[in-house]
Protein backbone atom coordinates (compact mmCIF):
# COMPACT_ATOMS: atom_id res chain seq x y z
CA MET A 1 100.94 120.96 70.58
CA ARG A 2 100.57 119.17 73.89
CA TYR A 3 98.59 115.97 74.32
CA PHE A 4 97.45 114.12 77.42
CA ILE A 5 97.11 110.35 77.18
CA GLU A 6 95.20 108.23 79.68
CA ILE A 7 96.89 104.90 80.38
CA SER A 8 96.21 101.67 82.23
CA TYR A 9 98.83 99.02 82.98
CA GLN A 10 99.61 95.85 84.89
CA GLY A 11 102.89 96.44 86.71
CA LYS A 12 104.12 92.88 87.22
CA ASN A 13 106.68 92.88 84.40
CA TYR A 14 108.07 96.38 84.95
CA HIS A 15 110.48 98.13 87.28
CA GLY A 16 108.02 100.95 87.83
CA TRP A 17 107.09 103.95 85.73
CA GLN A 18 110.41 105.75 85.35
CA ILE A 19 113.10 104.92 82.81
CA GLN A 20 116.18 103.38 84.39
CA PRO A 21 119.26 101.63 83.02
CA ASP A 22 119.06 97.88 82.38
CA ALA A 23 115.44 97.62 83.57
CA ASN A 24 112.16 97.64 81.67
CA SER A 25 109.76 100.48 82.54
CA ILE A 26 106.32 101.77 81.54
CA GLN A 27 107.77 105.09 80.41
CA GLU A 28 110.29 103.39 78.14
CA GLU A 29 107.64 101.26 76.44
CA LEU A 30 105.44 104.31 75.83
CA ASN A 31 108.36 106.32 74.48
CA LYS A 32 109.23 103.57 72.00
CA ALA A 33 105.67 103.03 70.76
CA ILE A 34 104.70 106.70 70.44
CA SER A 35 108.02 107.71 68.87
CA THR A 36 107.67 104.93 66.30
CA VAL A 37 104.12 105.90 65.38
CA LEU A 38 104.90 109.62 65.12
CA GLN A 39 108.31 109.00 63.52
CA GLU A 40 110.07 111.37 65.90
CA THR A 41 111.99 110.95 69.14
CA LEU A 42 110.04 112.06 72.19
CA SER A 43 109.74 111.33 75.90
CA VAL A 44 106.43 111.24 77.74
CA VAL A 45 106.06 112.97 81.12
CA GLY A 46 104.11 111.02 83.73
CA ALA A 47 101.69 112.25 86.36
CA GLY A 48 103.61 110.27 88.97
CA ARG A 49 106.07 107.43 89.48
CA THR A 50 104.66 104.07 90.44
CA ASP A 51 107.18 101.65 91.94
CA THR A 52 108.23 98.22 90.69
CA GLY A 53 105.25 95.88 90.37
CA VAL A 54 102.59 98.51 91.14
CA HIS A 55 99.57 98.67 88.82
CA ALA A 56 97.60 101.62 87.44
CA GLU A 57 93.96 101.58 86.44
CA GLN A 58 94.30 105.25 85.53
CA MET A 59 97.55 107.09 84.84
CA PHE A 60 98.12 110.16 82.71
CA ALA A 61 101.12 111.31 80.70
CA HIS A 62 101.78 114.14 78.27
CA PHE A 63 104.01 114.76 75.28
CA ASP A 64 104.53 117.52 72.71
CA THR A 65 104.43 117.16 68.94
CA GLU A 66 103.79 119.37 65.94
CA LYS A 67 101.50 116.73 64.46
CA ASN A 68 97.74 117.02 64.68
CA LEU A 69 96.50 113.86 66.42
CA ASP A 70 93.01 112.41 66.77
CA THR A 71 91.53 109.45 68.65
CA ASN A 72 92.63 107.06 65.88
CA TYR A 73 96.11 107.30 67.37
CA VAL A 74 94.91 105.38 70.43
CA PHE A 75 94.66 102.28 68.23
CA LYS A 76 98.02 103.03 66.57
CA PHE A 77 99.85 103.37 69.88
CA ASN A 78 98.25 100.22 71.31
CA SER A 79 99.23 98.20 68.24
CA LEU A 80 102.89 98.64 69.25
CA LEU A 81 102.57 98.43 73.02
CA PRO A 82 102.84 95.24 75.10
CA GLU A 83 99.44 93.80 75.98
CA ASP A 84 99.85 94.78 79.65
CA ILE A 85 100.04 98.51 78.81
CA VAL A 86 97.00 100.18 77.22
CA VAL A 87 96.38 103.74 76.06
CA LEU A 88 92.73 104.49 76.81
CA ASN A 89 92.34 108.02 75.47
CA ILE A 90 94.18 110.97 73.93
CA GLU A 91 93.27 114.63 74.34
CA LYS A 92 94.78 117.86 73.06
CA VAL A 93 95.37 120.37 75.90
CA THR A 94 96.79 123.86 76.24
CA ASP A 95 100.57 124.14 76.03
CA GLU A 96 100.99 125.14 79.67
CA LYS A 97 98.97 122.27 81.13
CA HIS A 98 101.23 119.84 83.01
CA VAL A 99 100.26 116.25 83.73
CA ARG A 100 102.08 116.17 87.07
CA PHE A 101 101.96 119.68 88.49
CA ASP A 102 98.30 120.31 87.59
CA ALA A 103 97.02 117.16 89.29
CA LEU A 104 94.85 118.05 92.29
CA ALA A 105 94.55 114.62 93.86
CA ARG A 106 95.57 111.01 93.43
CA SER A 107 93.73 107.92 94.66
CA TYR A 108 95.13 104.48 95.39
CA GLU A 109 93.61 101.16 96.39
CA TYR A 110 95.40 98.37 98.20
CA ARG A 111 93.70 94.99 97.81
CA VAL A 112 93.98 92.23 100.41
CA TRP A 113 92.46 88.79 99.83
CA LEU A 114 91.47 87.07 103.05
CA GLY A 115 92.23 83.50 102.12
CA ARG A 116 93.82 81.87 99.09
CA ASN A 117 92.87 82.48 95.47
CA PRO A 118 95.22 81.30 92.70
CA PHE A 119 93.60 83.63 90.17
CA LEU A 120 94.38 86.75 92.21
CA LEU A 121 98.02 86.05 93.02
CA GLU A 122 99.26 88.95 90.89
CA SER A 123 96.72 91.52 92.06
CA THR A 124 96.24 90.98 95.80
CA TRP A 125 98.20 90.40 98.98
CA GLN A 126 96.78 87.14 100.31
CA LEU A 127 96.40 86.64 104.06
CA PHE A 128 95.15 83.30 105.28
CA HIS A 129 94.65 81.85 108.77
CA GLN A 130 94.46 85.41 110.10
CA LYS A 131 91.48 87.42 111.31
CA LEU A 132 91.61 91.20 111.06
CA ASP A 133 89.60 93.70 113.11
CA VAL A 134 88.47 95.91 110.21
CA GLU A 135 86.62 98.30 112.53
CA ALA A 136 89.81 98.96 114.49
CA MET A 137 91.72 99.43 111.21
CA ASN A 138 89.21 102.05 110.09
CA GLU A 139 89.36 103.89 113.41
CA ALA A 140 93.14 104.09 113.03
CA ALA A 141 92.86 105.09 109.35
CA ASP A 142 90.77 108.11 110.41
CA VAL A 143 93.83 109.40 112.27
CA LEU A 144 95.58 109.97 108.92
CA LEU A 145 93.19 112.84 108.16
CA GLU A 146 94.39 114.69 111.27
CA TYR A 147 98.04 115.01 110.21
CA GLU A 148 100.15 116.25 107.30
CA ASP A 149 103.69 115.04 108.00
CA PHE A 150 103.99 111.39 106.98
CA GLN A 151 107.75 110.91 107.21
CA ALA A 152 107.10 107.80 109.31
CA PHE A 153 105.67 106.09 106.21
CA SER A 154 108.22 107.36 103.68
CA LYS A 155 111.08 105.45 102.14
CA VAL A 156 114.17 106.52 104.09
CA LYS A 157 116.45 107.42 101.19
CA THR A 158 114.31 109.78 99.16
CA GLU A 159 114.89 113.29 97.86
CA VAL A 160 111.86 115.40 98.78
CA LYS A 161 111.57 118.97 100.05
CA THR A 162 108.71 118.11 102.38
CA PHE A 163 107.01 115.07 103.85
CA ASN A 164 103.68 116.90 104.03
CA CYS A 165 100.64 115.42 102.29
CA THR A 166 96.96 116.25 102.67
CA VAL A 167 94.98 113.01 103.02
CA THR A 168 91.27 113.49 102.30
CA LYS A 169 90.11 109.87 102.35
CA ALA A 170 91.33 106.74 104.11
CA ILE A 171 88.97 103.81 104.57
CA TRP A 172 88.87 100.02 104.45
CA ILE A 173 85.93 98.40 102.66
CA GLN A 174 85.29 94.67 102.84
CA ASN A 175 83.36 92.77 100.17
CA GLY A 176 83.39 89.09 101.01
CA ASN A 177 87.01 87.94 101.05
CA LEU A 178 88.25 91.12 99.37
CA LEU A 179 89.41 93.81 101.79
CA THR A 180 90.36 97.07 100.03
CA PHE A 181 92.05 100.15 101.45
CA HIS A 182 91.03 103.36 99.67
CA ILE A 183 93.20 106.44 100.12
CA THR A 184 93.18 109.85 98.41
CA ALA A 185 95.67 112.70 98.89
CA ASN A 186 97.11 115.66 97.03
CA ARG A 187 100.47 113.85 96.85
CA PHE A 188 102.14 110.69 98.10
CA LEU A 189 105.64 109.89 99.34
CA ARG A 190 107.63 106.94 98.04
CA ASN A 191 106.35 103.69 99.56
CA MET A 192 103.81 105.64 101.65
CA VAL A 193 100.67 103.65 100.89
CA ARG A 194 102.36 100.27 101.31
CA ALA A 195 103.84 101.33 104.68
CA ILE A 196 100.49 102.68 105.89
CA VAL A 197 98.74 99.46 104.90
CA GLY A 198 101.33 97.33 106.69
CA THR A 199 100.93 99.39 109.84
CA LEU A 200 97.12 99.34 109.71
CA VAL A 201 97.18 95.55 109.28
CA ASP A 202 99.19 95.44 112.53
CA VAL A 203 96.26 97.29 114.12
CA GLY A 204 93.88 94.71 112.63
CA LYS A 205 95.96 91.88 114.09
CA GLY A 206 95.91 93.51 117.52
CA LYS A 207 99.67 94.09 117.56
CA ILE A 208 99.26 97.87 118.00
CA THR A 209 96.42 100.22 118.96
CA LYS A 210 94.95 103.33 117.39
CA GLU A 211 96.99 105.44 119.82
CA ASP A 212 100.14 103.50 118.89
CA PHE A 213 99.37 104.34 115.27
CA ARG A 214 99.11 108.02 116.18
CA LYS A 215 102.45 107.86 118.02
CA ILE A 216 104.07 106.30 114.94
CA ILE A 217 102.96 109.26 112.81
CA LEU A 218 104.23 111.74 115.39
CA SER A 219 107.59 109.94 115.68
CA LYS A 220 108.42 110.68 112.02
CA ASP A 221 110.55 107.53 112.15
CA ARG A 222 110.07 104.84 109.48
CA SER A 223 111.52 102.16 111.74
CA ASN A 224 108.52 102.52 114.06
CA ALA A 225 105.97 101.77 111.33
CA GLY A 226 104.93 98.37 109.98
CA LEU A 227 106.28 96.40 107.06
CA SER A 228 106.00 97.55 103.46
CA VAL A 229 103.37 95.23 102.01
CA PRO A 230 103.90 93.63 98.55
CA ALA A 231 103.57 95.86 95.49
CA ARG A 232 101.22 93.50 93.68
CA GLY A 233 98.20 94.61 95.73
CA LEU A 234 98.62 98.33 95.00
CA PHE A 235 96.69 100.15 92.28
CA LEU A 236 96.75 103.79 91.25
CA THR A 237 93.04 104.19 90.49
CA GLU A 238 92.36 107.86 89.78
CA ILE A 239 94.10 111.18 89.13
CA THR A 240 91.96 114.30 89.45
CA TYR A 241 92.59 117.54 87.54
């Protein structure tokens, strides 16, 4: 039987989602806890791969077992997981349902704190002594909805068949000192959101224009785009099925 689990985690102490040698990962911690509870060796499949230090308010994974599980197993799994990884829910699904391939859309937020706040050091990128033109940043963000090839914002050494993504939402929303970039797409490339944010912040600083931003997309060249902003401000917030 196949089960989906809904997960939330703080990424500070992990080298991303995927298991890798000599580095702690979210997937490894889940494998250990669930295997121990079920007394069998299994490996969870994730809906995506967040990078080192990136957080997830909502992530999904699936695993197969012959055991009949109910919601009580949420408590059992959490009792063995580190406090910065939490299983929120468990649901039995059909055997052919796949946590990654059946996802229709994914949403991320990137959180910028305009100023200094010691309590948000691990969850925001803090910019002080700088004013950003948020209106100009939003005008440039709208350009993302016009294109599909985002090679200019992709990590250079990455194995993908296509750089095409369909972006359906891209907007900055400011609430006091908190400036949040919301983006939704059917898929994302490695480092894509962090590179987009870095480039849009350059627009906000007046370093480049909306048309420069468009030219960067068309160039398909990562070296033309802005810096990759710190992972600590990035959150996977929703996966839609």
